[in-house]
């Protein structure tokens, strides 16, 4: 699903997924992949170095 413009999702792959997931689960899985792809593209655009993110101090107290 990441490179669908080049390869599309082959019918055989779709049918295999349908054996394991119902319609709702496939939709949830698809949306999760879309979100992750979006985050990855943002990180590429901003030249984020993996593993360097730190919670800003103003939010650190809330996260604990």
C-alpha atoms as a PDB file:
ATOM      1  CA  UNK A   1       0.000   0.000   0.000  1.00  0.00           C
ATOM      2  CA  UNK A   2       2.968   2.310   0.299  1.00  0.00           C
ATOM      3  CA  UNK A   3       3.848   2.371  -3.397  1.00  0.00           C
ATOM      4  CA  UNK A   4       0.434   1.909  -5.012  1.00  0.00           C
ATOM      5  CA  UNK A   5       1.124   4.413  -7.794  1.00  0.00           C
ATOM      6  CA  UNK A   6       3.830   2.068  -9.076  1.00  0.00           C
ATOM      7  CA  UNK A   7       2.436  -1.359  -8.282  1.00  0.00           C
ATOM      8  CA  UNK A   8      -1.164  -1.085  -7.061  1.00  0.00           C
ATOM      9  CA  UNK A   9      -2.302  -3.712  -4.551  1.00  0.00           C
ATOM     10  CA  UNK A  10      -2.375  -6.999  -6.456  1.00  0.00           C
ATOM     11  CA  UNK A  11      -5.677  -8.896  -6.327  1.00  0.00           C
ATOM     12  CA  UNK A  12      -3.946 -11.920  -4.780  1.00  0.00           C
ATOM     13  CA  UNK A  13      -2.593  -9.785  -1.921  1.00  0.00           C
ATOM     14  CA  UNK A  14      -6.019  -8.229  -1.348  1.00  0.00           C
ATOM     15  CA  UNK A  15      -7.713 -11.645  -1.269  1.00  0.00           C
ATOM     16  CA  UNK A  16      -5.132 -12.946   1.180  1.00  0.00           C
ATOM     17  CA  UNK A  17      -5.757  -9.969   3.473  1.00  0.00           C
ATOM     18  CA  UNK A  18      -9.537 -10.524   3.226  1.00  0.00           C
ATOM     19  CA  UNK A  19      -9.057 -14.033   4.614  1.00  0.00           C
ATOM     20  CA  UNK A  20      -7.575 -12.541   7.788  1.00  0.00           C
ATOM     21  CA  UNK A  21      -9.448  -9.242   8.222  1.00  0.00           C
ATOM     22  CA  UNK A  22     -13.063  -8.144   7.906  1.00  0.00           C
ATOM     23  CA  UNK A  23     -14.068  -4.935   6.096  1.00  0.00           C
ATOM     24  CA  UNK A  24     -13.775  -2.737   9.203  1.00  0.00           C
ATOM     25  CA  UNK A  25     -10.354  -4.154  10.085  1.00  0.00           C
ATOM     26  CA  UNK A  26      -9.091  -3.618   6.529  1.00  0.00           C
ATOM     27  CA  UNK A  27     -10.292  -0.016   6.672  1.00  0.00           C
ATOM     28  CA  UNK A  28      -8.574   0.516  10.048  1.00  0.00           C
ATOM     29  CA  UNK A  29      -5.371  -1.077   8.770  1.00  0.00           C
ATOM     30  CA  UNK A  30      -5.468   1.054   5.613  1.00  0.00           C
ATOM     31  CA  UNK A  31      -5.939   4.250   7.622  1.00  0.00           C
ATOM     32  CA  UNK A  32      -3.046   3.289   9.912  1.00  0.00           C
ATOM     33  CA  UNK A  33      -0.784   2.825   6.872  1.00  0.00           C
ATOM     34  CA  UNK A  34      -1.935   6.192   5.467  1.00  0.00           C
ATOM     35  CA  UNK A  35      -1.120   7.924   8.782  1.00  0.00           C
ATOM     36  CA  UNK A  36       2.313   6.318   9.067  1.00  0.00           C
ATOM     37  CA  UNK A  37       3.134   7.189   5.432  1.00  0.00           C
ATOM     38  CA  UNK A  38       2.099  10.785   6.109  1.00  0.00           C
ATOM     39  CA  UNK A  39       4.281  11.028   9.219  1.00  0.00           C
ATOM     40  CA  UNK A  40       7.206   9.552   7.276  1.00  0.00           C
ATOM     41  CA  UNK A  41       6.816  12.102   4.487  1.00  0.00           C
ATOM     42  CA  UNK A  42       6.685  14.968   7.002  1.00  0.00           C
ATOM     43  CA  UNK A  43       9.854  13.695   8.657  1.00  0.00           C
ATOM     44  CA  UNK A  44      11.613  13.442   5.295  1.00  0.00           C
ATOM     45  CA  UNK A  45      10.520  16.984   4.389  1.00  0.00           C
ATOM     46  CA  UNK A  46      11.768  18.388   7.725  1.00  0.00           C
ATOM     47  CA  UNK A  47      14.950  16.283   7.640  1.00  0.00           C
ATOM     48  CA  UNK A  48      14.172  14.732  11.004  1.00  0.00           C
ATOM     49  CA  UNK A  49      16.909  12.464  12.298  1.00  0.00           C
ATOM     50  CA  UNK A  50      15.384   9.212  13.618  1.00  0.00           C
ATOM     51  CA  UNK A  51      15.654   8.811  17.372  1.00  0.00           C
ATOM     52  CA  UNK A  52      16.276  12.484  18.150  1.00  0.00           C
ATOM     53  CA  UNK A  53      12.737  13.569  19.103  1.00  0.00           C
ATOM     54  CA  UNK A  54      12.346  14.782  22.677  1.00  0.00           C
ATOM     55  CA  UNK A  55       9.117  15.851  24.357  1.00  0.00           C
ATOM     56  CA  UNK A  56       9.142  19.659  24.819  1.00  0.00           C
ATOM     57  CA  UNK A  57       9.525  20.653  28.490  1.00  0.00           C
ATOM     58  CA  UNK A  58       6.125  22.349  28.636  1.00  0.00           C
ATOM     59  CA  UNK A  59       4.534  18.966  27.863  1.00  0.00           C
ATOM     60  CA  UNK A  60       6.919  16.727  29.802  1.00  0.00           C
ATOM     61  CA  UNK A  61       5.151  17.266  33.151  1.00  0.00           C
ATOM     62  CA  UNK A  62       1.767  16.324  31.633  1.00  0.00           C
ATOM     63  CA  UNK A  63       3.157  13.149  30.051  1.00  0.00           C
ATOM     64  CA  UNK A  64       4.358  11.766  33.386  1.00  0.00           C
END
